[in-house]
Amino acid sequence: MKKQRIGLLGGTFDPLHFGHIHLGIEMQETHVLDTIIVCPAASSPLKTTRTPQASNEQRLQMAQLAALDIPGWRVIDWEVKRSGASYTIDTVRALRAEAEKNKEKIELFLLLGEDALGQFDKWKEVEELVRLAPPLIGVRGQREGLPAGIPPSLEEICQKGRTRTRVFEISSTLVRDRLKRKLYCGHLVPPKILDFIYQHQLYFY
């Protein structure tokens, strides 16, 4: 049986935007991944000063709208249905257990933007995490090397996963700020998600 190559794309997705989609598709094509699993987080243990503005269910629905038309993408609700903080290691273990139960062979990769590396060493059981799901890290432009602060134990595997991607500078903070200021966001967010945001009056206040 052929191993399925799977990329796990997690985040609060508040809201999900073209930058997230761009990262996922570039990794999918560059590393020949069969499936991209999008996993909205309930809350990040490292973002204690801000909780997501949209509800868990709303962020899940936006992720589902984004993945609807992209071949090989699926969304799981495991982290938003869990109580408390979201830990990627728990999701990775659950994905591997699911594959084992279904008698499937998988090769799992963790998809990250390079901005996530700043606090990567603080992730729960990070050394076990990268063993179970080696990171593939989107590096924009001509930047070389890894950010300062990556511990020596993670340097080699992070360096190996560095993947140059085209520059696509968007953040959820930028999207929320523009929505609050009633500025156009059709170039930042897929139409179905933007319709959902307007329908539910998210981020305007």
N, C-alpha and C. Protein backbone atom coordinates (compact mmCIF):
# COMPACT_ATOMS: atom_id res chain seq x y z
N MET A 1 0.85 -1.20 0.00
CA MET A 1 0.00 0.00 0.00
C MET A 1 0.88 1.25 0.00
N LYS A 2 0.56 2.18 -0.90
CA LYS A 2 1.33 3.42 -1.00
C LYS A 2 1.06 4.32 0.21
N LYS A 3 2.12 4.90 0.73
CA LYS A 3 1.96 5.84 1.83
C LYS A 3 1.29 7.12 1.33
N GLN A 4 0.30 7.57 2.07
CA GLN A 4 -0.32 8.86 1.77
C GLN A 4 0.51 9.96 2.42
N ARG A 5 0.88 10.95 1.63
CA ARG A 5 1.65 12.08 2.13
C ARG A 5 0.67 13.19 2.50
N ILE A 6 0.67 13.56 3.78
CA ILE A 6 -0.34 14.48 4.31
C ILE A 6 0.34 15.68 4.96
N GLY A 7 -0.15 16.87 4.64
CA GLY A 7 0.31 18.09 5.28
C GLY A 7 -0.75 18.60 6.24
N LEU A 8 -0.35 18.92 7.46
CA LEU A 8 -1.27 19.46 8.47
C LEU A 8 -1.08 20.97 8.55
N LEU A 9 -2.13 21.70 8.23
CA LEU A 9 -2.10 23.16 8.25
C LEU A 9 -3.03 23.65 9.36
N GLY A 10 -2.43 24.07 10.47
CA GLY A 10 -3.22 24.52 11.61
C GLY A 10 -3.11 26.01 11.83
N GLY A 11 -3.98 26.54 12.68
CA GLY A 11 -3.95 27.96 13.00
C GLY A 11 -5.29 28.41 13.55
N THR A 12 -5.32 29.62 14.06
CA THR A 12 -6.61 30.12 14.55
C THR A 12 -7.52 30.54 13.39
N PHE A 13 -6.92 30.94 12.26
CA PHE A 13 -7.70 31.28 11.05
C PHE A 13 -8.82 32.27 11.39
N ASP A 14 -8.42 33.44 11.86
CA ASP A 14 -9.38 34.43 12.34
C ASP A 14 -9.26 35.77 11.60
N PRO A 15 -9.59 35.81 10.28
CA PRO A 15 -10.14 34.74 9.45
C PRO A 15 -9.05 34.05 8.61
N LEU A 16 -9.44 32.94 7.97
CA LEU A 16 -8.58 32.29 6.98
C LEU A 16 -8.51 33.18 5.74
N HIS A 17 -7.32 33.33 5.16
CA HIS A 17 -7.16 34.24 4.02
C HIS A 17 -6.30 33.60 2.93
N PHE A 18 -6.08 34.35 1.86
CA PHE A 18 -5.32 33.80 0.73
C PHE A 18 -3.89 33.42 1.10
N GLY A 19 -3.31 34.06 2.12
CA GLY A 19 -1.96 33.70 2.55
C GLY A 19 -1.90 32.27 3.05
N HIS A 20 -2.90 31.87 3.84
CA HIS A 20 -2.96 30.48 4.32
C HIS A 20 -3.10 29.51 3.14
N ILE A 21 -4.00 29.85 2.22
CA ILE A 21 -4.24 28.99 1.06
C ILE A 21 -2.99 28.90 0.19
N HIS A 22 -2.35 30.02 -0.01
CA HIS A 22 -1.12 30.08 -0.82
C HIS A 22 -0.05 29.16 -0.23
N LEU A 23 0.15 29.23 1.10
CA LEU A 23 1.15 28.39 1.75
C LEU A 23 0.81 26.91 1.56
N GLY A 24 -0.46 26.56 1.79
CA GLY A 24 -0.87 25.17 1.66
C GLY A 24 -0.68 24.62 0.26
N ILE A 25 -1.07 25.40 -0.75
CA ILE A 25 -0.97 24.93 -2.13
C ILE A 25 0.49 24.83 -2.57
N GLU A 26 1.32 25.80 -2.20
CA GLU A 26 2.73 25.74 -2.57
C GLU A 26 3.40 24.50 -1.97
N MET A 27 3.08 24.21 -0.70
CA MET A 27 3.65 23.02 -0.06
C MET A 27 3.10 21.75 -0.69
N GLN A 28 1.81 21.75 -1.00
CA GLN A 28 1.18 20.59 -1.62
C GLN A 28 1.84 20.25 -2.95
N GLU A 29 2.11 21.27 -3.75
CA GLU A 29 2.69 21.04 -5.08
C GLU A 29 4.19 20.76 -5.00
N THR A 30 4.91 21.50 -4.19
CA THR A 30 6.36 21.34 -4.10
C THR A 30 6.75 19.98 -3.52
N HIS A 31 6.02 19.55 -2.50
CA HIS A 31 6.38 18.31 -1.80
C HIS A 31 5.48 17.14 -2.18
N VAL A 32 4.65 17.32 -3.20
CA VAL A 32 3.79 16.26 -3.72
C VAL A 32 2.99 15.62 -2.58
N LEU A 33 2.20 16.44 -1.92
CA LEU A 33 1.35 15.97 -0.82
C LEU A 33 -0.01 15.54 -1.37
N ASP A 34 -0.47 14.39 -0.94
CA ASP A 34 -1.77 13.90 -1.42
C ASP A 34 -2.93 14.66 -0.81
N THR A 35 -2.77 15.04 0.45
CA THR A 35 -3.86 15.68 1.18
C THR A 35 -3.32 16.82 2.04
N ILE A 36 -4.10 17.90 2.11
CA ILE A 36 -3.85 18.96 3.08
C ILE A 36 -5.00 18.92 4.07
N ILE A 37 -4.66 18.74 5.35
CA ILE A 37 -5.68 18.75 6.40
C ILE A 37 -5.62 20.10 7.10
N VAL A 38 -6.72 20.84 7.03
CA VAL A 38 -6.82 22.15 7.67
C VAL A 38 -7.47 21.95 9.03
N CYS A 39 -6.80 22.44 10.07
CA CYS A 39 -7.27 22.21 11.43
C CYS A 39 -7.34 23.53 12.21
N PRO A 40 -8.51 24.16 12.25
CA PRO A 40 -8.64 25.38 13.06
C PRO A 40 -8.43 25.08 14.55
N ALA A 41 -7.69 25.94 15.22
CA ALA A 41 -7.41 25.76 16.64
C ALA A 41 -8.46 26.46 17.48
N ALA A 42 -8.78 25.88 18.64
CA ALA A 42 -9.73 26.54 19.55
C ALA A 42 -9.09 27.82 20.09
N SER A 43 -7.88 27.68 20.62
CA SER A 43 -7.12 28.85 21.07
C SER A 43 -5.66 28.44 21.15
N SER A 44 -4.79 29.39 20.94
CA SER A 44 -3.36 29.09 20.97
C SER A 44 -2.81 29.32 22.38
N PRO A 45 -2.10 28.33 22.94
CA PRO A 45 -1.50 28.52 24.27
C PRO A 45 -0.47 29.65 24.29
N LEU A 46 0.04 30.03 23.10
CA LEU A 46 1.07 31.07 23.04
C LEU A 46 0.49 32.45 22.74
N LYS A 47 -0.83 32.53 22.57
CA LYS A 47 -1.48 33.82 22.33
C LYS A 47 -2.47 34.09 23.46
N THR A 48 -1.93 34.21 24.66
CA THR A 48 -2.79 34.34 25.83
C THR A 48 -3.44 35.72 25.96
N THR A 49 -2.92 36.71 25.24
CA THR A 49 -3.46 38.07 25.37
C THR A 49 -4.65 38.31 24.46
N ARG A 50 -4.89 37.41 23.50
CA ARG A 50 -6.00 37.64 22.58
C ARG A 50 -6.68 36.33 22.23
N THR A 51 -7.99 36.30 22.41
CA THR A 51 -8.76 35.14 21.96
C THR A 51 -9.35 35.47 20.59
N PRO A 52 -9.63 34.47 19.77
CA PRO A 52 -10.20 34.75 18.44
C PRO A 52 -11.50 35.55 18.53
N GLN A 53 -11.67 36.48 17.59
CA GLN A 53 -12.90 37.29 17.57
C GLN A 53 -14.08 36.47 17.07
N ALA A 54 -13.88 35.68 16.03
CA ALA A 54 -14.94 34.81 15.53
C ALA A 54 -15.02 33.57 16.42
N SER A 55 -16.21 33.00 16.52
CA SER A 55 -16.40 31.82 17.36
C SER A 55 -15.71 30.61 16.73
N ASN A 56 -15.56 29.56 17.51
CA ASN A 56 -14.98 28.32 16.99
C ASN A 56 -15.76 27.83 15.78
N GLU A 57 -17.09 27.82 15.89
CA GLU A 57 -17.93 27.31 14.80
C GLU A 57 -17.80 28.18 13.56
N GLN A 58 -17.72 29.49 13.73
CA GLN A 58 -17.59 30.40 12.58
C GLN A 58 -16.25 30.19 11.88
N ARG A 59 -15.17 30.04 12.66
CA ARG A 59 -13.86 29.83 12.04
C ARG A 59 -13.78 28.48 11.35
N LEU A 60 -14.46 27.50 11.93
CA LEU A 60 -14.54 26.18 11.29
C LEU A 60 -15.28 26.28 9.96
N GLN A 61 -16.40 26.99 9.95
CA GLN A 61 -17.18 27.14 8.72
C GLN A 61 -16.39 27.89 7.65
N MET A 62 -15.62 28.91 8.05
CA MET A 62 -14.81 29.64 7.07
C MET A 62 -13.74 28.73 6.47
N ALA A 63 -13.14 27.89 7.30
CA ALA A 63 -12.14 26.93 6.80
C ALA A 63 -12.77 25.96 5.82
N GLN A 64 -13.98 25.49 6.14
CA GLN A 64 -14.69 24.57 5.25
C GLN A 64 -15.02 25.22 3.92
N LEU A 65 -15.40 26.49 3.95
CA LEU A 65 -15.67 27.21 2.71
C LEU A 65 -14.41 27.34 1.86
N ALA A 66 -13.28 27.59 2.51
CA ALA A 66 -12.01 27.75 1.79
C ALA A 66 -11.59 26.45 1.12
N ALA A 67 -11.79 25.33 1.82
CA ALA A 67 -11.30 24.04 1.32
C ALA A 67 -12.23 23.40 0.29
N LEU A 68 -13.44 23.92 0.19
CA LEU A 68 -14.50 23.30 -0.61
C LEU A 68 -14.07 22.99 -2.04
N ASP A 69 -13.39 23.95 -2.68
CA ASP A 69 -13.08 23.81 -4.11
C ASP A 69 -11.62 23.47 -4.39
N ILE A 70 -10.85 23.17 -3.35
CA ILE A 70 -9.42 22.88 -3.56
C ILE A 70 -9.19 21.38 -3.52
N PRO A 71 -8.73 20.79 -4.61
CA PRO A 71 -8.53 19.33 -4.66
C PRO A 71 -7.57 18.86 -3.57
N GLY A 72 -7.95 17.79 -2.89
CA GLY A 72 -7.08 17.18 -1.89
C GLY A 72 -7.10 17.84 -0.53
N TRP A 73 -7.97 18.83 -0.33
CA TRP A 73 -8.04 19.50 0.97
C TRP A 73 -9.23 19.00 1.76
N ARG A 74 -9.04 18.82 3.08
CA ARG A 74 -10.14 18.50 3.98
C ARG A 74 -9.96 19.26 5.28
N VAL A 75 -11.04 19.43 6.00
CA VAL A 75 -11.01 20.19 7.26
C VAL A 75 -11.43 19.26 8.39
N ILE A 76 -10.72 19.33 9.51
CA ILE A 76 -11.12 18.58 10.70
C ILE A 76 -11.50 19.56 11.82
N ASP A 77 -12.43 19.14 12.65
CA ASP A 77 -12.92 20.01 13.73
C ASP A 77 -12.41 19.58 15.10
N TRP A 78 -11.39 18.74 15.12
CA TRP A 78 -10.94 18.12 16.36
C TRP A 78 -10.53 19.13 17.42
N GLU A 79 -9.78 20.15 17.03
CA GLU A 79 -9.26 21.09 18.03
C GLU A 79 -10.34 22.06 18.51
N VAL A 80 -11.23 22.48 17.64
CA VAL A 80 -12.28 23.40 18.09
C VAL A 80 -13.32 22.67 18.95
N LYS A 81 -13.40 21.35 18.80
CA LYS A 81 -14.34 20.58 19.62
C LYS A 81 -13.71 20.17 20.96
N ARG A 82 -12.39 20.26 21.06
CA ARG A 82 -11.70 19.95 22.30
C ARG A 82 -11.85 21.11 23.27
N SER A 83 -11.93 20.83 24.55
CA SER A 83 -11.97 21.94 25.51
C SER A 83 -10.54 22.37 25.83
N GLY A 84 -10.38 23.64 26.14
CA GLY A 84 -9.06 24.15 26.51
C GLY A 84 -8.19 24.49 25.32
N ALA A 85 -6.91 24.69 25.61
CA ALA A 85 -5.95 25.10 24.57
C ALA A 85 -5.73 23.98 23.56
N SER A 86 -5.33 24.38 22.34
CA SER A 86 -5.07 23.42 21.27
C SER A 86 -3.58 23.10 21.21
N TYR A 87 -3.26 21.82 21.24
CA TYR A 87 -1.87 21.40 21.13
C TYR A 87 -1.72 20.53 19.88
N THR A 88 -0.82 20.95 19.01
CA THR A 88 -0.63 20.27 17.73
C THR A 88 -0.20 18.82 17.93
N ILE A 89 0.60 18.55 18.95
CA ILE A 89 1.07 17.18 19.18
C ILE A 89 -0.11 16.23 19.40
N ASP A 90 -1.16 16.71 20.06
CA ASP A 90 -2.33 15.85 20.31
C ASP A 90 -3.04 15.52 18.99
N THR A 91 -3.14 16.52 18.11
CA THR A 91 -3.78 16.31 16.82
C THR A 91 -2.97 15.36 15.95
N VAL A 92 -1.65 15.53 15.97
CA VAL A 92 -0.77 14.65 15.18
C VAL A 92 -0.91 13.20 15.65
N ARG A 93 -0.90 13.01 16.95
CA ARG A 93 -1.08 11.65 17.48
C ARG A 93 -2.43 11.07 17.08
N ALA A 94 -3.48 11.91 17.13
CA ALA A 94 -4.82 11.44 16.77
C ALA A 94 -4.90 11.07 15.29
N LEU A 95 -4.23 11.85 14.43
CA LEU A 95 -4.22 11.54 13.00
C LEU A 95 -3.50 10.23 12.72
N ARG A 96 -2.41 10.00 13.42
CA ARG A 96 -1.66 8.76 13.23
C ARG A 96 -2.46 7.56 13.77
N ALA A 97 -3.17 7.77 14.87
CA ALA A 97 -4.01 6.70 15.43
C ALA A 97 -5.16 6.38 14.49
N GLU A 98 -5.74 7.42 13.89
CA GLU A 98 -6.83 7.21 12.93
C GLU A 98 -6.35 6.40 11.73
N ALA A 99 -5.17 6.75 11.22
CA ALA A 99 -4.62 6.02 10.07
C ALA A 99 -4.36 4.56 10.43
N GLU A 100 -3.83 4.34 11.63
CA GLU A 100 -3.55 2.97 12.06
C GLU A 100 -4.85 2.17 12.18
N LYS A 101 -5.87 2.80 12.74
CA LYS A 101 -7.18 2.14 12.88
C LYS A 101 -7.76 1.76 11.53
N ASN A 102 -7.57 2.64 10.53
CA ASN A 102 -8.09 2.40 9.18
C ASN A 102 -7.13 1.58 8.32
N LYS A 103 -6.03 1.13 8.96
CA LYS A 103 -5.00 0.35 8.25
C LYS A 103 -4.44 1.11 7.04
N GLU A 104 -4.23 2.41 7.25
CA GLU A 104 -3.65 3.25 6.21
C GLU A 104 -2.21 3.59 6.59
N LYS A 105 -1.37 3.73 5.59
CA LYS A 105 0.00 4.16 5.81
C LYS A 105 0.10 5.63 5.45
N ILE A 106 0.57 6.44 6.38
CA ILE A 106 0.67 7.86 6.11
C ILE A 106 2.06 8.39 6.46
N GLU A 107 2.41 9.46 5.78
CA GLU A 107 3.62 10.24 6.09
C GLU A 107 3.11 11.65 6.36
N LEU A 108 3.27 12.09 7.59
CA LEU A 108 2.66 13.33 8.03
C LEU A 108 3.69 14.44 8.13
N PHE A 109 3.31 15.63 7.64
CA PHE A 109 4.20 16.79 7.70
C PHE A 109 3.44 17.96 8.32
N LEU A 110 4.16 18.77 9.07
CA LEU A 110 3.59 19.96 9.69
C LEU A 110 3.91 21.18 8.82
N LEU A 111 2.88 21.86 8.34
CA LEU A 111 3.08 23.02 7.46
C LEU A 111 3.11 24.29 8.29
N LEU A 112 4.18 25.06 8.13
CA LEU A 112 4.37 26.29 8.91
C LEU A 112 4.81 27.44 8.03
N GLY A 113 4.39 28.63 8.39
CA GLY A 113 5.00 29.83 7.85
C GLY A 113 6.21 30.14 8.71
N GLU A 114 7.21 30.81 8.15
CA GLU A 114 8.44 31.06 8.92
C GLU A 114 8.20 31.90 10.16
N ASP A 115 7.12 32.70 10.17
CA ASP A 115 6.84 33.52 11.35
C ASP A 115 6.50 32.66 12.58
N ALA A 116 6.06 31.41 12.35
CA ALA A 116 5.72 30.52 13.48
C ALA A 116 6.97 30.02 14.20
N LEU A 117 8.15 30.15 13.58
CA LEU A 117 9.36 29.60 14.18
C LEU A 117 9.86 30.41 15.38
N GLY A 118 9.40 31.64 15.48
CA GLY A 118 9.85 32.50 16.58
C GLY A 118 9.59 31.89 17.95
N GLN A 119 8.48 31.14 18.08
CA GLN A 119 8.13 30.52 19.37
C GLN A 119 8.03 29.00 19.25
N PHE A 120 8.61 28.47 18.20
CA PHE A 120 8.45 27.04 17.93
C PHE A 120 9.01 26.18 19.06
N ASP A 121 10.09 26.64 19.68
CA ASP A 121 10.70 25.86 20.76
C ASP A 121 9.80 25.77 21.99
N LYS A 122 8.76 26.63 22.05
CA LYS A 122 7.85 26.63 23.21
C LYS A 122 6.64 25.72 22.98
N TRP A 123 6.51 25.15 21.79
CA TRP A 123 5.38 24.27 21.52
C TRP A 123 5.47 23.02 22.39
N LYS A 124 4.33 22.49 22.76
CA LYS A 124 4.28 21.30 23.61
C LYS A 124 4.96 20.10 22.93
N GLU A 125 5.89 19.48 23.65
CA GLU A 125 6.60 18.27 23.19
C GLU A 125 7.13 18.45 21.77
N VAL A 126 7.78 19.59 21.52
CA VAL A 126 8.14 19.95 20.16
C VAL A 126 9.10 18.94 19.51
N GLU A 127 10.00 18.36 20.29
CA GLU A 127 10.95 17.41 19.69
C GLU A 127 10.25 16.12 19.25
N GLU A 128 9.26 15.69 20.02
CA GLU A 128 8.46 14.54 19.61
C GLU A 128 7.57 14.91 18.43
N LEU A 129 7.06 16.15 18.44
CA LEU A 129 6.22 16.62 17.35
C LEU A 129 6.95 16.57 16.01
N VAL A 130 8.18 17.07 15.95
CA VAL A 130 8.90 17.09 14.68
C VAL A 130 9.36 15.69 14.27
N ARG A 131 9.43 14.78 15.23
CA ARG A 131 9.74 13.40 14.87
C ARG A 131 8.54 12.74 14.19
N LEU A 132 7.34 13.02 14.72
CA LEU A 132 6.12 12.42 14.17
C LEU A 132 5.65 13.13 12.91
N ALA A 133 5.91 14.43 12.83
CA ALA A 133 5.47 15.23 11.68
C ALA A 133 6.53 16.27 11.36
N PRO A 134 7.54 15.91 10.57
CA PRO A 134 8.61 16.86 10.25
C PRO A 134 8.04 18.14 9.65
N PRO A 135 8.57 19.30 10.04
CA PRO A 135 8.03 20.57 9.55
C PRO A 135 8.48 20.90 8.13
N LEU A 136 7.55 21.43 7.36
CA LEU A 136 7.84 22.04 6.06
C LEU A 136 7.55 23.52 6.23
N ILE A 137 8.55 24.35 6.07
CA ILE A 137 8.47 25.75 6.46
C ILE A 137 8.54 26.65 5.23
N GLY A 138 7.50 27.42 5.02
CA GLY A 138 7.46 28.34 3.90
C GLY A 138 8.32 29.56 4.16
N VAL A 139 9.33 29.75 3.33
CA VAL A 139 10.26 30.88 3.47
C VAL A 139 10.03 31.83 2.31
N ARG A 140 9.69 33.07 2.62
CA ARG A 140 9.34 34.04 1.58
C ARG A 140 10.58 34.77 1.10
N GLY A 141 10.61 35.04 -0.21
CA GLY A 141 11.67 35.85 -0.78
C GLY A 141 13.04 35.20 -0.71
N GLN A 142 14.06 36.01 -0.50
CA GLN A 142 15.45 35.54 -0.54
C GLN A 142 16.06 35.37 0.84
N ARG A 143 15.23 35.27 1.88
CA ARG A 143 15.77 35.16 3.23
C ARG A 143 16.53 33.86 3.41
N GLU A 144 17.63 33.94 4.11
CA GLU A 144 18.48 32.77 4.34
C GLU A 144 18.48 32.41 5.82
N GLY A 145 18.71 31.15 6.10
CA GLY A 145 18.86 30.71 7.49
C GLY A 145 17.56 30.71 8.26
N LEU A 146 17.68 30.39 9.55
CA LEU A 146 16.55 30.29 10.45
C LEU A 146 16.51 31.48 11.40
N PRO A 147 15.33 31.82 11.93
CA PRO A 147 15.28 32.92 12.90
C PRO A 147 16.11 32.61 14.14
N ALA A 148 16.56 33.64 14.80
CA ALA A 148 17.31 33.46 16.04
C ALA A 148 16.41 32.79 17.08
N GLY A 149 17.03 31.98 17.92
CA GLY A 149 16.26 31.38 19.00
C GLY A 149 15.87 29.94 18.78
N ILE A 150 16.06 29.42 17.56
CA ILE A 150 15.76 28.01 17.32
C ILE A 150 16.82 27.18 18.05
N PRO A 151 16.42 26.29 18.97
CA PRO A 151 17.42 25.51 19.71
C PRO A 151 18.18 24.56 18.79
N PRO A 152 19.41 24.24 19.13
CA PRO A 152 20.23 23.37 18.28
C PRO A 152 19.56 22.04 17.95
N SER A 153 18.75 21.52 18.87
CA SER A 153 18.11 20.22 18.66
C SER A 153 17.09 20.26 17.53
N LEU A 154 16.62 21.48 17.17
CA LEU A 154 15.60 21.60 16.12
C LEU A 154 16.17 22.16 14.81
N GLU A 155 17.41 22.65 14.87
CA GLU A 155 17.98 23.35 13.71
C GLU A 155 18.02 22.47 12.46
N GLU A 156 18.51 21.26 12.59
CA GLU A 156 18.71 20.42 11.41
C GLU A 156 17.39 20.09 10.72
N ILE A 157 16.38 19.70 11.49
CA ILE A 157 15.11 19.30 10.86
C ILE A 157 14.36 20.51 10.30
N CYS A 158 14.49 21.67 10.96
CA CYS A 158 13.87 22.89 10.45
C CYS A 158 14.57 23.35 9.17
N GLN A 159 15.88 23.27 9.16
CA GLN A 159 16.65 23.66 7.97
C GLN A 159 16.28 22.76 6.79
N LYS A 160 16.14 21.47 7.07
CA LYS A 160 15.80 20.52 6.02
C LYS A 160 14.43 20.81 5.42
N GLY A 161 13.50 21.31 6.25
CA GLY A 161 12.14 21.56 5.77
C GLY A 161 11.92 22.93 5.15
N ARG A 162 12.95 23.79 5.15
CA ARG A 162 12.80 25.13 4.56
C ARG A 162 12.44 25.01 3.09
N THR A 163 11.37 25.70 2.70
CA THR A 163 10.88 25.64 1.32
C THR A 163 10.64 27.06 0.84
N ARG A 164 11.35 27.46 -0.19
CA ARG A 164 11.17 28.82 -0.69
C ARG A 164 9.81 28.95 -1.36
N THR A 165 9.05 29.93 -0.92
CA THR A 165 7.74 30.20 -1.50
C THR A 165 7.70 31.62 -2.04
N ARG A 166 6.77 31.87 -2.94
CA ARG A 166 6.62 33.22 -3.46
C ARG A 166 6.09 34.15 -2.37
N VAL A 167 6.50 35.40 -2.44
CA VAL A 167 6.11 36.38 -1.42
C VAL A 167 4.60 36.61 -1.50
N PHE A 168 3.94 36.48 -0.34
CA PHE A 168 2.49 36.67 -0.27
C PHE A 168 2.21 37.19 1.13
N GLU A 169 2.43 38.47 1.32
CA GLU A 169 2.39 39.05 2.67
C GLU A 169 0.95 39.44 3.06
N ILE A 170 0.28 38.55 3.77
CA ILE A 170 -1.06 38.82 4.31
C ILE A 170 -1.09 38.28 5.73
N SER A 171 -1.80 38.97 6.60
CA SER A 171 -2.01 38.45 7.95
C SER A 171 -3.49 38.62 8.31
N SER A 172 -3.95 37.79 9.24
CA SER A 172 -5.34 37.92 9.71
C SER A 172 -5.53 39.26 10.40
N THR A 173 -4.48 39.76 11.05
CA THR A 173 -4.57 41.08 11.71
C THR A 173 -4.84 42.16 10.67
N LEU A 174 -4.15 42.11 9.54
CA LEU A 174 -4.37 43.07 8.46
C LEU A 174 -5.81 42.99 7.96
N VAL A 175 -6.31 41.78 7.75
CA VAL A 175 -7.69 41.60 7.25
C VAL A 175 -8.69 42.19 8.25
N ARG A 176 -8.54 41.85 9.51
CA ARG A 176 -9.47 42.37 10.54
C ARG A 176 -9.43 43.89 10.60
N ASP A 177 -8.22 44.47 10.51
CA ASP A 177 -8.07 45.92 10.57
C ASP A 177 -8.77 46.59 9.39
N ARG A 178 -8.60 46.03 8.19
CA ARG A 178 -9.23 46.61 7.01
C ARG A 178 -10.76 46.48 7.07
N LEU A 179 -11.24 45.36 7.57
CA LEU A 179 -12.69 45.18 7.70
C LEU A 179 -13.27 46.19 8.69
N LYS A 180 -12.57 46.38 9.78
CA LYS A 180 -13.03 47.34 10.79
C LYS A 180 -13.09 48.75 10.23
N ARG A 181 -12.16 49.05 9.31
CA ARG A 181 -12.12 50.39 8.69
C ARG A 181 -12.98 50.46 7.43
N LYS A 182 -13.75 49.39 7.17
CA LYS A 182 -14.67 49.32 6.03
C LYS A 182 -13.93 49.42 4.68
N LEU A 183 -12.73 48.84 4.63
CA LEU A 183 -11.94 48.86 3.40
C LEU A 183 -12.14 47.56 2.62
N TYR A 184 -11.89 47.61 1.33
CA TYR A 184 -12.06 46.46 0.44
C TYR A 184 -11.10 45.34 0.84
N CYS A 185 -11.60 44.10 0.87
CA CYS A 185 -10.75 42.96 1.25
C CYS A 185 -10.85 41.80 0.28
N GLY A 186 -11.45 42.02 -0.89
CA GLY A 186 -11.61 40.95 -1.86
C GLY A 186 -10.30 40.41 -2.41
N HIS A 187 -9.22 41.19 -2.28
CA HIS A 187 -7.91 40.73 -2.74
C HIS A 187 -7.16 39.93 -1.67
N LEU A 188 -7.74 39.85 -0.47
CA LEU A 188 -7.10 39.18 0.65
C LEU A 188 -7.81 37.90 1.10
N VAL A 189 -9.11 37.84 0.85
CA VAL A 189 -9.96 36.77 1.38
C VAL A 189 -10.80 36.18 0.26
N PRO A 190 -10.93 34.85 0.17
CA PRO A 190 -11.79 34.25 -0.86
C PRO A 190 -13.22 34.77 -0.78
N PRO A 191 -13.90 34.91 -1.92
CA PRO A 191 -15.26 35.47 -1.96
C PRO A 191 -16.24 34.79 -1.01
N LYS A 192 -16.18 33.46 -0.93
CA LYS A 192 -17.13 32.75 -0.06
C LYS A 192 -16.92 33.11 1.41
N ILE A 193 -15.67 33.29 1.80
CA ILE A 193 -15.39 33.67 3.18
C ILE A 193 -15.80 35.12 3.42
N LEU A 194 -15.51 35.97 2.45
CA LEU A 194 -15.89 37.38 2.60
C LEU A 194 -17.41 37.52 2.71
N ASP A 195 -18.15 36.76 1.91
CA ASP A 195 -19.61 36.76 2.01
C ASP A 195 -20.06 36.32 3.41
N PHE A 196 -19.39 35.29 3.93
CA PHE A 196 -19.72 34.78 5.26
C PHE A 196 -19.45 35.85 6.32
N ILE A 197 -18.33 36.55 6.19
CA ILE A 197 -17.97 37.61 7.14
C ILE A 197 -19.03 38.71 7.13
N TYR A 198 -19.45 39.13 5.94
CA TYR A 198 -20.48 40.17 5.85
C TYR A 198 -21.82 39.68 6.37
N GLN A 199 -22.16 38.44 6.05
CA GLN A 199 -23.43 37.87 6.48
C GLN A 199 -23.53 37.84 8.01
N HIS A 200 -22.40 37.53 8.66
CA HIS A 200 -22.41 37.41 10.12
C HIS A 200 -21.84 38.64 10.82
N GLN A 201 -21.52 39.68 10.02
CA GLN A 201 -21.02 40.94 10.56
C GLN A 201 -19.81 40.74 11.51
N LEU A 202 -18.85 39.96 11.00
CA LEU A 202 -17.66 39.68 11.79
C LEU A 202 -16.60 40.77 11.58
N TYR A 203 -15.88 41.08 12.63
CA TYR A 203 -14.69 41.95 12.60
C TYR A 203 -14.98 43.43 12.34
N PHE A 204 -16.23 43.82 12.30
CA PHE A 204 -16.53 45.22 11.97
C PHE A 204 -16.53 46.12 13.20
N TYR A 205 -16.53 45.53 14.39
CA TYR A 205 -16.68 46.35 15.59
C TYR A 205 -15.56 46.05 16.59
